[in-house]
N, C-alpha and C. Protein backbone atom coordinates (compact mmCIF):
# COMPACT_ATOMS: atom_id res chain seq x y z
N MET A 1 65.53 79.26 62.96
CA MET A 1 66.09 80.78 62.01
C MET A 1 66.22 81.05 60.64
N THR A 2 65.17 79.87 59.89
CA THR A 2 65.23 80.10 58.27
C THR A 2 63.94 80.43 58.22
N GLY A 3 62.90 80.20 59.10
CA GLY A 3 61.64 80.31 59.60
C GLY A 3 61.76 82.10 59.60
N LYS A 4 62.42 82.62 60.20
CA LYS A 4 63.07 83.91 60.55
C LYS A 4 63.42 84.50 59.49
N TRP A 5 64.05 84.45 58.36
CA TRP A 5 64.12 84.60 57.38
C TRP A 5 63.46 85.27 56.66
N VAL A 6 62.35 83.99 56.57
CA VAL A 6 61.50 84.16 55.27
C VAL A 6 60.37 85.01 55.60
N ARG A 7 59.86 85.22 56.95
CA ARG A 7 59.07 86.16 57.56
C ARG A 7 59.79 87.95 57.60
N GLU A 8 60.60 88.01 57.46
CA GLU A 8 61.53 89.37 57.28
C GLU A 8 61.63 89.66 56.11
N LEU A 9 62.25 88.51 55.26
CA LEU A 9 62.44 89.23 53.18
C LEU A 9 60.71 89.85 53.08
N GLU A 10 59.95 88.46 53.11
CA GLU A 10 58.22 88.84 53.01
C GLU A 10 57.80 90.51 53.35
N GLU A 11 58.32 90.76 54.59
CA GLU A 11 58.18 91.39 55.21
C GLU A 11 58.64 93.27 54.50
N ALA A 12 59.92 92.89 54.41
CA ALA A 12 60.73 94.09 54.36
C ALA A 12 60.83 94.24 52.75
N ILE A 13 60.41 93.16 51.73
CA ILE A 13 60.60 93.68 50.17
C ILE A 13 59.07 93.59 49.75
N SER A 14 58.92 94.34 48.81
CA SER A 14 57.43 94.35 48.84
C SER A 14 57.11 93.36 47.63
N ASN A 15 56.23 92.65 47.14
CA ASN A 15 56.08 92.00 46.37
C ASN A 15 57.22 90.44 45.82
N ALA A 16 57.68 90.24 47.09
CA ALA A 16 58.42 89.28 47.25
C ALA A 16 58.16 88.27 47.61
N ARG A 17 58.63 87.06 47.82
CA ARG A 17 57.83 85.63 47.90
C ARG A 17 59.61 85.06 48.45
N ALA A 18 59.39 84.12 49.79
CA ALA A 18 60.41 83.76 50.33
C ALA A 18 59.75 82.24 50.67
N ALA A 19 60.82 80.81 50.39
CA ALA A 19 60.63 79.92 50.77
C ALA A 19 61.53 79.39 51.39
N ILE A 20 61.35 78.36 52.13
CA ILE A 20 61.96 77.20 52.66
C ILE A 20 62.88 75.94 51.90
N VAL A 21 64.14 76.04 51.61
CA VAL A 21 64.56 75.04 50.62
C VAL A 21 65.65 73.85 51.08
N ARG A 22 64.47 72.65 51.48
CA ARG A 22 65.68 71.68 51.88
C ARG A 22 65.63 70.52 50.99
N THR A 23 65.55 71.09 49.66
CA THR A 23 65.76 69.76 48.78
C THR A 23 65.91 70.31 47.74
N SER A 24 66.20 69.27 46.58
CA SER A 24 66.52 69.85 45.13
C SER A 24 65.21 69.81 44.16
N ALA A 25 63.95 69.09 44.99
CA ALA A 25 62.53 69.25 44.54
C ALA A 25 62.33 70.53 44.90
N ASP A 26 62.56 70.98 46.49
CA ASP A 26 61.84 72.59 46.88
C ASP A 26 62.51 73.42 45.94
N MET A 27 63.87 73.21 45.42
CA MET A 27 64.43 74.38 44.79
C MET A 27 63.85 74.11 43.20
N ASP A 28 63.46 73.13 42.73
CA ASP A 28 62.86 73.30 41.63
C ASP A 28 61.28 73.62 41.30
N ALA A 29 60.97 73.17 42.19
CA ALA A 29 59.72 74.00 42.56
C ALA A 29 59.11 75.63 42.28
N LEU A 30 60.64 75.68 43.15
CA LEU A 30 60.61 77.16 44.00
C LEU A 30 60.70 78.03 42.04
N TYR A 31 61.69 77.71 41.76
CA TYR A 31 62.59 78.08 40.77
C TYR A 31 61.34 78.03 39.59
N ALA A 32 60.57 77.32 39.41
CA ALA A 32 59.10 77.19 38.25
C ALA A 32 58.78 78.23 38.56
N GLY A 33 57.94 78.48 39.97
CA GLY A 33 57.34 79.09 40.43
C GLY A 33 57.86 80.75 40.11
N TYR A 34 59.13 81.04 40.26
CA TYR A 34 59.80 81.96 40.07
C TYR A 34 59.64 82.33 38.21
N ALA A 35 59.78 81.54 37.45
CA ALA A 35 59.73 81.57 36.15
C ALA A 35 58.35 81.60 35.65
N ARG A 36 57.49 81.34 36.41
CA ARG A 36 55.98 81.64 35.92
C ARG A 36 55.54 83.41 35.96
N GLY A 37 55.86 83.83 37.05
CA GLY A 37 55.60 85.40 37.50
C GLY A 37 56.66 86.11 37.61
N GLY A 38 56.27 87.42 38.20
CA GLY A 38 57.25 88.43 38.21
C GLY A 38 57.66 88.87 39.55
N ARG A 39 57.60 87.91 40.13
CA ARG A 39 57.75 88.30 41.81
C ARG A 39 59.56 88.01 42.19
N THR A 40 59.88 89.15 42.60
CA THR A 40 61.15 88.48 43.64
C THR A 40 61.04 87.43 44.41
N VAL A 41 61.87 86.46 44.17
CA VAL A 41 61.82 85.01 45.03
C VAL A 41 63.31 84.73 45.78
N PHE A 42 63.03 84.25 47.07
CA PHE A 42 64.51 84.10 48.07
C PHE A 42 64.04 82.37 48.34
N ALA A 43 65.10 81.66 47.87
CA ALA A 43 65.27 80.49 48.32
C ALA A 43 65.91 80.55 49.70
N VAL A 44 65.40 80.36 50.89
CA VAL A 44 65.95 79.91 52.02
C VAL A 44 66.24 79.09 52.49
N MET A 45 67.68 78.44 52.70
CA MET A 45 68.24 77.08 53.24
C MET A 45 69.63 77.31 54.43
N SER A 46 69.03 76.48 55.45
CA SER A 46 70.53 76.42 56.29
C SER A 46 71.58 75.90 55.88
N LYS A 47 72.41 75.84 56.42
CA LYS A 47 73.65 75.55 55.89
C LYS A 47 74.12 74.40 56.08
N GLU A 48 73.15 73.67 57.11
CA GLU A 48 73.28 72.33 56.86
C GLU A 48 72.78 71.46 56.24
N ASN A 49 71.67 72.20 55.67
CA ASN A 49 70.63 71.11 54.07
C ASN A 49 71.50 71.91 52.65
N ALA A 50 72.11 73.23 52.93
CA ALA A 50 73.27 73.38 51.97
C ALA A 50 73.77 72.56 51.64
N LEU A 51 75.11 72.34 52.57
CA LEU A 51 76.16 72.00 52.29
C LEU A 51 76.63 70.03 52.73
N ASP A 52 75.15 70.18 53.34
CA ASP A 52 75.44 68.12 53.75
C ASP A 52 75.42 67.46 52.55
N GLY A 53 76.32 66.93 52.72
CA GLY A 53 75.85 65.79 51.14
C GLY A 53 76.82 64.42 51.41
N TYR A 54 77.14 63.62 50.82
CA TYR A 54 77.75 62.44 50.92
C TYR A 54 78.98 62.80 51.43
N MET A 55 79.82 61.30 52.79
CA MET A 55 80.71 61.83 53.00
C MET A 55 81.91 61.41 52.61
N ARG A 56 83.18 62.13 52.49
CA ARG A 56 84.46 61.81 52.04
C ARG A 56 85.54 61.57 52.47
N ARG A 57 86.13 60.80 52.16
CA ARG A 57 87.31 60.36 52.90
C ARG A 57 88.68 60.54 52.05
N PRO A 58 89.90 60.61 52.51
CA PRO A 58 91.10 60.62 51.94
C PRO A 58 91.32 59.04 51.00
N ALA A 59 91.28 59.68 49.68
CA ALA A 59 91.90 58.43 48.47
C ALA A 59 92.81 57.70 48.47
N ALA A 60 94.50 58.74 48.79
CA ALA A 60 95.71 58.57 48.93
C ALA A 60 95.53 57.03 49.46
N ARG A 61 96.61 56.53 49.16
CA ARG A 61 96.93 55.18 49.97
C ARG A 61 98.43 55.26 50.13
N TRP A 62 98.77 54.34 51.17
CA TRP A 62 100.06 54.39 51.42
C TRP A 62 100.75 52.98 50.96
N ASP A 63 102.49 53.54 50.81
CA ASP A 63 103.29 52.49 49.83
C ASP A 63 103.85 52.00 50.52
N ALA A 64 104.24 51.05 51.22
CA ALA A 64 105.40 50.81 51.86
C ALA A 64 106.38 50.65 51.48
N ARG A 65 106.86 50.35 50.24
CA ARG A 65 108.03 50.47 49.33
C ARG A 65 108.66 51.47 49.28
N ARG A 66 107.54 52.31 49.27
CA ARG A 66 107.74 53.97 49.26
C ARG A 66 108.04 55.04 50.12
N GLN A 67 107.43 53.86 50.90
CA GLN A 67 107.67 54.96 52.12
C GLN A 67 106.49 56.17 51.99
N GLY A 68 105.54 56.24 51.66
CA GLY A 68 105.06 57.60 51.51
C GLY A 68 103.08 57.53 50.86
N PHE A 69 102.65 58.31 51.44
CA PHE A 69 101.17 58.28 50.69
C PHE A 69 101.25 58.89 48.67
N THR A 70 100.34 57.77 48.09
CA THR A 70 100.47 57.84 46.79
C THR A 70 99.12 58.59 46.07
N CYS A 71 98.77 59.05 45.03
CA CYS A 71 97.94 59.68 44.16
C CYS A 71 97.39 58.15 43.95
N PRO A 72 95.99 58.13 44.22
CA PRO A 72 95.18 56.93 43.49
C PRO A 72 95.18 56.92 41.91
N ASP A 73 95.63 57.75 41.43
CA ASP A 73 95.41 58.34 39.65
C ASP A 73 97.26 57.71 39.13
N CYS A 74 97.90 58.80 39.14
CA CYS A 74 99.01 58.85 38.84
C CYS A 74 100.45 58.03 39.53
N GLY A 75 99.86 57.90 40.90
CA GLY A 75 100.64 56.80 41.75
C GLY A 75 101.98 57.72 42.64
N SER A 76 102.14 58.64 42.26
CA SER A 76 103.46 59.83 42.39
C SER A 76 103.11 60.08 44.03
N VAL A 77 104.02 60.43 44.64
CA VAL A 77 104.05 60.13 45.97
C VAL A 77 103.88 61.55 46.43
N ILE A 78 102.32 62.06 47.18
CA ILE A 78 102.21 63.10 47.55
C ILE A 78 103.00 63.89 48.46
N GLN A 79 102.72 65.26 47.93
CA GLN A 79 104.28 65.60 49.15
C GLN A 79 103.03 67.11 49.47
N MET A 80 103.58 67.59 50.58
CA MET A 80 102.88 68.62 51.33
C MET A 80 103.95 70.28 51.44
N GLU A 81 103.14 71.56 51.71
CA GLU A 81 104.21 72.19 52.05
C GLU A 81 104.16 72.94 53.29
N PHE A 82 105.37 73.51 53.88
CA PHE A 82 105.74 73.69 55.56
C PHE A 82 106.46 74.54 55.11
N MET A 83 106.68 75.45 55.91
CA MET A 83 107.70 76.23 56.33
C MET A 83 108.74 76.50 57.29
N ASP A 84 109.89 76.34 56.52
CA ASP A 84 110.94 76.17 57.32
C ASP A 84 111.92 77.45 57.10
N CYS A 85 112.40 78.36 58.66
CA CYS A 85 112.62 79.50 58.51
C CYS A 85 112.36 80.42 57.45
N GLY A 86 111.10 81.00 57.40
CA GLY A 86 110.17 81.80 56.11
C GLY A 86 110.73 80.82 54.96
N LYS A 87 111.11 79.88 54.84
CA LYS A 87 110.98 79.67 53.54
C LYS A 87 109.86 78.38 52.86
N ARG A 88 109.40 78.30 52.01
CA ARG A 88 108.45 77.48 51.43
C ARG A 88 109.30 76.32 51.17
N THR A 89 108.88 75.15 51.63
CA THR A 89 109.74 73.66 51.58
C THR A 89 108.71 72.18 51.48
N LEU A 90 108.80 71.58 50.51
CA LEU A 90 108.04 70.71 50.50
C LEU A 90 108.83 69.06 50.69
N THR A 91 107.45 68.52 51.54
CA THR A 91 108.20 67.52 52.25
C THR A 91 107.06 66.57 51.63
N ASP A 92 107.33 64.84 51.78
CA ASP A 92 106.27 63.70 52.03
C ASP A 92 105.06 63.88 52.83
N ALA A 93 103.70 64.12 51.98
CA ALA A 93 102.93 64.18 53.46
C ALA A 93 102.67 63.55 54.17
N THR A 94 102.48 63.77 55.45
CA THR A 94 102.33 62.83 56.67
C THR A 94 100.91 62.24 57.01
N PRO A 95 100.52 61.45 57.69
CA PRO A 95 98.78 60.86 57.90
C PRO A 95 98.12 62.36 58.32
N GLU A 96 98.40 63.44 59.10
CA GLU A 96 98.24 64.08 59.41
C GLU A 96 97.81 64.96 58.49
N TYR A 97 98.44 65.14 57.23
CA TYR A 97 98.03 66.22 56.22
C TYR A 97 96.46 65.68 55.88
N PHE A 98 95.93 64.33 56.23
CA PHE A 98 94.49 64.26 55.45
C PHE A 98 93.51 64.30 56.67
N ARG A 99 93.85 64.84 57.98
CA ARG A 99 93.11 64.40 58.99
C ARG A 99 91.42 65.04 58.43
N THR A 100 91.79 66.17 57.37
CA THR A 100 89.99 67.06 57.10
C THR A 100 90.86 67.61 55.44
N GLU A 101 89.22 67.26 55.12
CA GLU A 101 89.57 68.13 53.55
C GLU A 101 89.75 69.57 53.65
N THR A 102 91.25 70.19 52.71
CA THR A 102 91.46 71.28 52.67
C THR A 102 91.73 71.18 51.00
N ARG A 103 91.71 72.96 51.04
CA ARG A 103 92.19 73.22 49.33
C ARG A 103 93.63 72.79 48.99
N ALA A 104 94.21 72.87 50.10
CA ALA A 104 96.00 72.48 50.03
C ALA A 104 95.89 70.79 49.72
N ASN A 105 95.10 70.07 50.54
CA ASN A 105 95.51 68.54 50.03
C ASN A 105 93.80 68.23 49.04
N ARG A 106 93.24 69.14 48.31
CA ARG A 106 92.40 68.58 47.47
C ARG A 106 92.22 67.50 46.20
N LYS A 107 93.88 68.18 45.81
CA LYS A 107 93.82 67.63 44.47
C LYS A 107 95.81 67.38 44.59
N CYS A 108 96.08 66.63 43.56
CA CYS A 108 96.83 65.80 43.19
C CYS A 108 98.20 67.23 42.43
N GLU A 109 99.08 67.43 43.22
CA GLU A 109 100.12 68.37 42.31
C GLU A 109 100.55 68.03 41.06
N GLY A 110 100.45 66.54 40.68
CA GLY A 110 101.44 65.82 39.80
C GLY A 110 100.00 66.17 38.52
N CYS A 111 98.89 65.68 38.87
CA CYS A 111 98.09 65.01 37.94
C CYS A 111 96.55 65.72 37.70
N GLY A 112 96.54 66.01 39.28
CA GLY A 112 94.99 66.90 39.44
C GLY A 112 94.40 65.95 39.66
N ALA A 113 94.57 64.81 40.31
CA ALA A 113 93.57 63.91 40.49
C ALA A 113 92.72 64.24 41.66
N VAL A 114 91.34 64.55 41.86
CA VAL A 114 90.86 64.41 43.50
C VAL A 114 91.52 63.44 44.16
N LEU A 115 92.27 63.99 45.50
CA LEU A 115 92.41 63.19 46.50
C LEU A 115 91.74 62.87 47.57
N TRP A 116 90.07 62.99 47.45
CA TRP A 116 89.24 62.67 48.16
C TRP A 116 88.31 61.79 47.53
N THR A 117 87.57 60.99 47.94
CA THR A 117 86.39 60.35 47.76
C THR A 117 85.55 59.77 48.31
N ALA A 118 84.37 59.31 47.61
CA ALA A 118 82.58 59.40 48.56
C ALA A 118 83.15 57.51 49.40
N THR A 119 82.40 58.13 50.55
CA THR A 119 82.22 57.07 51.27
C THR A 119 81.32 56.60 51.59
N THR A 120 80.62 55.36 52.29
CA THR A 120 79.66 55.12 53.01
C THR A 120 80.10 54.22 54.33
N ALA A 121 78.59 54.39 54.92
CA ALA A 121 79.36 53.08 56.64
C ALA A 121 79.73 52.16 56.52
N GLU A 122 79.11 51.22 54.89
CA GLU A 122 79.55 50.24 55.08
C GLU A 122 81.17 49.55 54.43
N GLU A 123 81.43 50.69 54.20
CA GLU A 123 82.92 50.60 53.52
C GLU A 123 84.31 50.16 54.52
N GLN A 124 84.91 49.70 54.01
CA GLN A 124 86.16 49.19 54.72
C GLN A 124 87.24 50.07 54.10
N SER A 125 87.83 51.13 54.87
CA SER A 125 88.98 51.65 54.29
C SER A 125 90.24 51.92 54.90
N GLU A 126 91.40 51.80 54.48
CA GLU A 126 92.53 52.05 55.10
C GLU A 126 92.88 53.55 56.05
N TRP A 127 91.54 54.20 56.06
CA TRP A 127 91.23 55.61 56.81
C TRP A 127 90.25 55.47 57.55
N VAL A 128 90.71 55.61 58.99
CA VAL A 128 89.02 55.60 59.36
C VAL A 128 88.75 56.98 60.56
N ARG A 129 87.94 57.52 60.26
CA ARG A 129 87.00 58.58 60.96
C ARG A 129 86.93 58.52 62.37
N ILE A 130 87.98 59.35 62.77
CA ILE A 130 87.32 59.60 64.23
C ILE A 130 86.33 60.52 64.55
N SER A 131 85.76 60.67 65.85
CA SER A 131 84.81 61.66 66.29
C SER A 131 85.96 62.97 66.55
N HIS A 132 85.07 64.43 66.44
CA HIS A 132 85.72 65.16 67.05
C HIS A 132 87.56 65.29 66.25
N LEU A 133 87.35 64.36 65.76
CA LEU A 133 88.87 64.37 65.27
C LEU A 133 89.34 64.74 63.62
N GLY A 134 88.50 63.59 62.87
CA GLY A 134 89.02 63.66 61.09
C GLY A 134 89.54 62.01 61.10
N TYR A 135 90.16 62.24 60.31
CA TYR A 135 90.59 61.06 59.32
C TYR A 135 92.40 60.64 60.05
N VAL A 136 92.13 59.19 60.36
CA VAL A 136 93.63 58.65 60.73
C VAL A 136 93.90 57.22 60.06
N HIS A 137 94.79 56.84 59.65
CA HIS A 137 95.61 56.05 58.77
C HIS A 137 95.73 54.71 59.81
N ARG A 138 94.98 53.64 60.04
CA ARG A 138 95.04 52.62 60.18
C ARG A 138 96.64 51.97 60.90
N ARG A 139 97.59 52.36 59.69
CA ARG A 139 98.61 52.10 60.03
C ARG A 139 99.78 53.04 61.12
N PHE A 140 99.12 54.42 61.11
CA PHE A 140 99.68 55.26 61.95
C PHE A 140 98.81 55.78 62.59
N ALA A 141 97.66 55.07 63.55
CA ALA A 141 96.51 55.31 64.33
C ALA A 141 97.16 55.87 65.66
N TYR A 142 98.51 55.04 66.07
CA TYR A 142 99.13 55.92 67.41
C TYR A 142 99.33 57.62 67.48
N LEU A 143 99.86 57.91 66.16
CA LEU A 143 99.95 59.20 65.76
C LEU A 143 98.91 60.28 66.40
N ALA A 144 98.25 60.01 66.42
CA ALA A 144 96.83 60.62 66.66
C ALA A 144 96.37 60.52 68.20
N ARG A 145 96.88 60.05 68.94
CA ARG A 145 96.55 60.19 70.39
C ARG A 145 96.62 61.33 70.88
N ASP A 146 97.79 62.11 70.92
CA ASP A 146 97.68 63.38 71.79
C ASP A 146 96.52 63.97 71.34
N ALA A 147 96.03 64.07 70.11
CA ALA A 147 95.29 65.01 69.33
C ALA A 147 93.72 64.40 69.27
N CYS A 148 93.52 63.65 70.17
CA CYS A 148 91.96 63.09 70.87
C CYS A 148 92.08 63.87 71.93
N LYS A 149 90.82 64.78 72.17
CA LYS A 149 90.29 65.28 72.97
C LYS A 149 89.42 65.11 74.05
N THR A 150 88.36 64.35 73.21
CA THR A 150 86.94 63.94 73.61
C THR A 150 87.27 62.78 74.12
N ALA A 151 86.20 61.96 75.01
CA ALA A 151 86.33 60.33 75.38
C ALA A 151 85.82 59.70 74.16
N ALA A 152 84.89 59.99 73.41
CA ALA A 152 84.75 59.20 71.98
C ALA A 152 85.48 59.36 71.34
N ALA A 153 86.32 60.44 71.01
CA ALA A 153 87.77 60.16 69.97
C ALA A 153 88.56 59.06 70.79
N LYS A 154 88.87 59.33 71.84
CA LYS A 154 89.94 58.26 72.76
C LYS A 154 89.61 56.72 72.68
N LYS A 155 87.95 56.69 73.02
CA LYS A 155 87.70 55.56 72.72
C LYS A 155 87.88 54.58 71.48
N GLN A 156 87.52 55.71 70.50
CA GLN A 156 87.46 54.59 68.89
C GLN A 156 89.10 54.58 68.53
N LEU A 157 90.03 55.66 69.14
CA LEU A 157 91.07 55.55 68.65
C LEU A 157 91.48 53.81 69.22
N ALA A 158 91.53 54.02 70.82
CA ALA A 158 91.85 53.03 71.75
C ALA A 158 91.35 51.79 70.64
N ALA A 159 90.12 51.67 70.75
CA ALA A 159 89.39 50.10 69.66
C ALA A 159 90.78 49.96 68.52
N LEU A 160 90.81 51.06 67.68
CA LEU A 160 91.75 51.13 66.36
C LEU A 160 92.97 50.16 66.98
N LEU A 161 93.66 50.86 67.83
CA LEU A 161 95.14 50.66 68.34
C LEU A 161 95.10 49.01 68.86
N ARG A 162 93.83 48.51 69.40
CA ARG A 162 93.90 47.14 69.77
C ARG A 162 93.51 46.58 69.04
N GLU A 163 92.38 46.81 67.70
CA GLU A 163 92.51 45.90 66.40
C GLU A 163 92.53 46.74 65.17
N PRO A 164 93.62 46.91 64.40
CA PRO A 164 93.96 47.95 63.90
C PRO A 164 93.36 47.26 62.35
N ASP A 165 92.93 46.36 62.02
CA ASP A 165 92.21 45.71 60.90
C ASP A 165 90.50 45.64 61.07
N ARG A 166 90.26 46.11 62.57
CA ARG A 166 88.92 45.73 62.86
C ARG A 166 87.93 46.80 61.64
N PHE A 167 86.38 46.48 61.35
CA PHE A 167 85.49 47.33 61.00
C PHE A 167 85.07 48.53 61.46
N MET A 168 85.30 49.62 61.15
CA MET A 168 84.36 50.95 61.72
C MET A 168 84.31 51.58 60.97
N ALA A 169 82.84 51.54 61.28
CA ALA A 169 81.70 52.43 60.31
C ALA A 169 81.75 53.97 60.78
N ALA A 170 81.77 54.72 59.15
CA ALA A 170 81.90 56.23 59.27
C ALA A 170 80.64 56.51 59.81
N ARG A 171 80.52 56.66 60.94
CA ARG A 171 79.24 57.48 61.22
C ARG A 171 78.92 58.57 60.57
N GLY A 172 77.54 58.50 60.22
CA GLY A 172 76.94 59.52 59.41
C GLY A 172 76.95 59.73 57.77
N ALA A 173 78.04 58.85 57.33
CA ALA A 173 78.21 58.39 56.29
C ALA A 173 77.05 57.82 55.52
N CYS A 174 76.46 58.58 54.06
CA CYS A 174 75.28 58.51 53.57
C CYS A 174 75.36 58.39 51.83
N ARG A 175 74.64 57.72 51.12
CA ARG A 175 74.63 58.02 50.02
C ARG A 175 73.47 59.38 49.74
N ARG A 176 74.10 60.24 49.56
CA ARG A 176 73.41 61.78 49.54
C ARG A 176 74.24 63.17 48.68
N PHE A 177 73.69 63.41 47.83
CA PHE A 177 73.79 64.61 46.90
C PHE A 177 73.85 65.98 47.49
N PRO A 178 75.14 66.71 47.59
CA PRO A 178 74.73 68.31 48.17
C PRO A 178 74.10 69.34 47.56
N LEU A 179 73.03 69.71 48.56
CA LEU A 179 72.17 70.69 47.96
C LEU A 179 72.75 71.82 47.01
N SER A 180 74.16 72.17 47.63
CA SER A 180 74.62 73.52 46.83
C SER A 180 75.32 72.69 45.73
N THR A 181 75.54 71.69 45.57
CA THR A 181 76.45 71.08 44.25
C THR A 181 75.03 70.96 43.31
N TYR A 182 74.61 70.79 43.45
CA TYR A 182 73.06 70.80 42.54
C TYR A 182 72.61 72.09 42.10
N ILE A 183 72.72 72.77 43.28
CA ILE A 183 71.89 74.56 42.83
C ILE A 183 73.08 74.85 41.91
N LYS A 184 74.87 74.34 42.10
CA LYS A 184 75.76 75.05 41.37
C LYS A 184 75.31 74.51 39.73
N ASN A 185 75.09 73.37 39.80
CA ASN A 185 75.25 72.42 38.34
C ASN A 185 74.33 73.05 37.79
N ARG A 186 72.66 72.58 37.90
CA ARG A 186 71.56 73.06 37.56
C ARG A 186 71.19 74.72 37.37
N TYR A 187 71.53 75.66 38.16
CA TYR A 187 71.23 76.79 38.18
C TYR A 187 72.01 77.79 38.15
N ARG A 188 73.54 77.45 37.29
CA ARG A 188 74.31 78.51 37.05
C ARG A 188 74.01 79.40 36.06
N GLY A 189 74.34 80.68 36.62
CA GLY A 189 73.94 81.89 35.95
C GLY A 189 72.46 82.21 35.77
N LYS A 190 72.04 81.32 36.48
CA LYS A 190 70.07 81.83 37.10
C LYS A 190 69.97 82.23 38.45
N ILE A 191 70.87 82.47 38.74
CA ILE A 191 70.53 83.10 40.37
C ILE A 191 71.47 84.42 40.43
N ASP A 192 70.69 85.64 40.95
CA ASP A 192 71.37 86.98 40.72
C ASP A 192 71.69 87.49 42.07
N GLY A 193 71.55 86.91 42.90
CA GLY A 193 72.16 87.17 44.35
C GLY A 193 72.40 86.19 45.29
N LEU A 194 73.41 86.10 46.72
CA LEU A 194 73.30 85.71 47.67
C LEU A 194 73.49 86.24 48.57
N ILE A 195 72.89 86.24 49.72
CA ILE A 195 72.96 86.45 51.47
C ILE A 195 73.21 85.61 51.97
N ALA A 196 74.38 85.51 52.54
CA ALA A 196 74.95 84.77 53.33
C ALA A 196 75.16 85.09 54.90
N ASP A 197 74.49 84.87 55.75
CA ASP A 197 74.41 85.04 57.32
C ASP A 197 75.73 84.13 57.97
N GLU A 198 76.41 84.92 58.85
CA GLU A 198 77.22 84.02 59.70
C GLU A 198 78.63 83.24 58.45
N LEU A 199 79.18 84.05 57.67
CA LEU A 199 79.86 83.65 56.63
C LEU A 199 80.92 83.69 57.22
N HIS A 200 81.52 84.28 58.22
CA HIS A 200 82.35 83.99 59.18
C HIS A 200 82.80 82.57 59.59
N GLN A 201 81.81 82.17 59.91
CA GLN A 201 82.43 80.36 60.78
C GLN A 201 82.33 79.65 59.59
N PHE A 202 82.67 80.12 58.11
CA PHE A 202 83.01 79.12 57.41
C PHE A 202 84.88 79.50 56.62
N SER A 203 85.52 78.42 56.83
CA SER A 203 86.88 78.92 56.60
C SER A 203 87.50 78.68 55.18
N ALA A 204 88.08 79.84 54.45
CA ALA A 204 88.01 79.35 52.70
C ALA A 204 89.11 78.38 52.46
N ASP A 205 89.55 77.91 53.45
CA ASP A 205 90.24 76.36 52.93
C ASP A 205 89.82 75.18 53.51
N SER A 206 88.18 75.31 53.79
CA SER A 206 87.67 74.03 54.24
C SER A 206 86.82 73.54 53.06
N GLY A 207 86.38 72.25 53.29
CA GLY A 207 85.64 71.37 52.31
C GLY A 207 84.03 72.64 52.02
N GLN A 208 83.83 72.87 53.32
CA GLN A 208 82.52 73.37 53.34
C GLN A 208 82.29 74.36 53.26
N GLY A 209 83.59 75.61 52.82
CA GLY A 209 83.71 76.99 52.50
C GLY A 209 83.68 76.89 50.78
N THR A 210 84.29 76.19 50.53
CA THR A 210 84.38 75.89 49.07
C THR A 210 82.82 75.35 48.89
N ARG A 211 82.23 74.22 48.86
CA ARG A 211 80.94 73.87 48.98
C ARG A 211 80.43 75.14 48.88
N TRP A 212 80.20 76.12 49.54
CA TRP A 212 79.22 77.38 50.05
C TRP A 212 79.66 78.40 48.89
N ALA A 213 80.73 78.23 48.54
CA ALA A 213 81.24 79.42 47.67
C ALA A 213 80.46 78.69 46.05
N SER A 214 80.75 77.76 45.68
CA SER A 214 79.95 77.35 44.33
C SER A 214 79.20 77.06 44.25
N CYS A 215 78.45 77.80 44.89
CA CYS A 215 76.42 78.46 44.48
C CYS A 215 76.52 79.69 44.32
N SER A 216 77.47 80.48 45.04
CA SER A 216 77.37 82.09 44.93
C SER A 216 77.18 82.52 43.68
N PRO A 217 76.81 83.37 43.05
CA PRO A 217 76.69 84.24 42.03
C PRO A 217 78.29 85.22 41.96
N PRO A 218 78.09 86.14 40.91
CA PRO A 218 79.37 86.70 40.92
C PRO A 218 79.47 87.67 42.15
N ARG A 219 81.00 88.22 42.52
CA ARG A 219 80.93 88.58 44.03
C ARG A 219 80.16 89.77 44.11
N LYS A 220 79.97 90.56 42.93
CA LYS A 220 79.20 92.11 43.31
C LYS A 220 77.77 91.83 43.49
N ASN A 221 77.05 90.50 43.44
CA ASN A 221 75.86 90.21 44.10
C ASN A 221 75.70 89.02 45.50
N ALA A 222 76.67 89.38 45.82
CA ALA A 222 77.05 88.45 47.17
C ALA A 222 77.75 89.57 48.37
N SER A 223 76.68 88.66 49.02
CA SER A 223 76.43 90.00 50.43
C SER A 223 76.70 88.95 51.74
N ALA A 224 77.62 89.13 52.87
CA ALA A 224 77.79 88.63 54.12
C ALA A 224 76.81 88.94 55.47
């Protein structure tokens, strides 16, 4: 698909150059060429290359004495919002609240600390990533039984339930910096526009949706 975009951009826009960007080095080289010449330049990247980076896991910790998940920075018990008869109500966060990273569970309401942290395949954590499901807490793994729909997820959860303290590698976790974050930090104010194909696939409340928006220019120059 990226190759198709390159061809169509160069055919549709005169004196334009388009190139596939897979790494930060690709982006730097393309921008350097743009700075030297007077041509309109398009950086074409797949969503996988743009958004893929280090894997994150919940940083919240279970406090047995206080019977709640606490912020790693300020130590306060984390709460979540739910609707009760149409009224917004707060209650202590459940393990399911941290199944995936969302805008709601990203930061501590008390101190603003980020409640998600980078993880690697070698790390042993109180949170375990289950395929096609998300993160479950070792102490409360049994609560995820009904949510496991695939054979792979059921197998992983069964192994965790048999041995709650066993080491379980986070598959796919590696030390890698997201290209979208690199572009946001290095090229802020230097990008004139964004064309995002199939934007409806990204939930505004998801981590991927937020990272995609992070490399977008002002709203008037963004198109889906």
